[in-house]
């Protein structure tokens, strides 16, 4: 079952590569860019799948409003979900999700700040440790269809957050922030998480949705 799902993931990435023949460079006005934050709030992206909690604690259950213990976990937010950070503590952040639900996340699972945008690559991209052609890292490479979070640009390079390992620098011309391509990358990211969570059938459904895009 897992082998079948892995093959389906590869098919989804092939769909992504076929979406566009000309990647668009990332920029402040590109689709997916974060709008300016409202006063007293900070835009942020979830950088790794994480649990949204009622209270800023790892406990499975916490005291509820009626005095009885309730489940602390509210939902699982996926990498690439956009939230608004309304309160920050040392290790935790209170956020508001896209459906206006408030909860707490581990702060290390957030990429905070204005100007962050979603992107992907349609072909494999070389990784650089610094924004310099001489700083190429032969041990790292970004595969097609990887969901990336753009941190900042230093032409001709862009710093991106990847799902594993430290941030990487890539040539800006390799990135696309086009909505359709990013949507497929996000669905593929969710499918990978479902596979890791032992839910291959749900992963297949996610890939079917990706094909519709």
Foldseek 3Di string as FASTA:
>chain_A
DLVVLVVLLVVLLVLLLVPDDFADFDDCPAPFFDDDDDPQKWKKWFQAWWFFFADPDPDQWDQDPVRDIDGGTDDIDHGGFIWIFNDDDDQKTWIQGPVRDTGITGPVRIDIHGGKGKKFFSAKWWWAPDPDPVRTDPVDIGHRLFIWIWDADDPQWTWIRGNDDGITITGRRRIHRHPLSNVSSRLSRVLVVCSVVVNSVVSSVSSVVSSVD
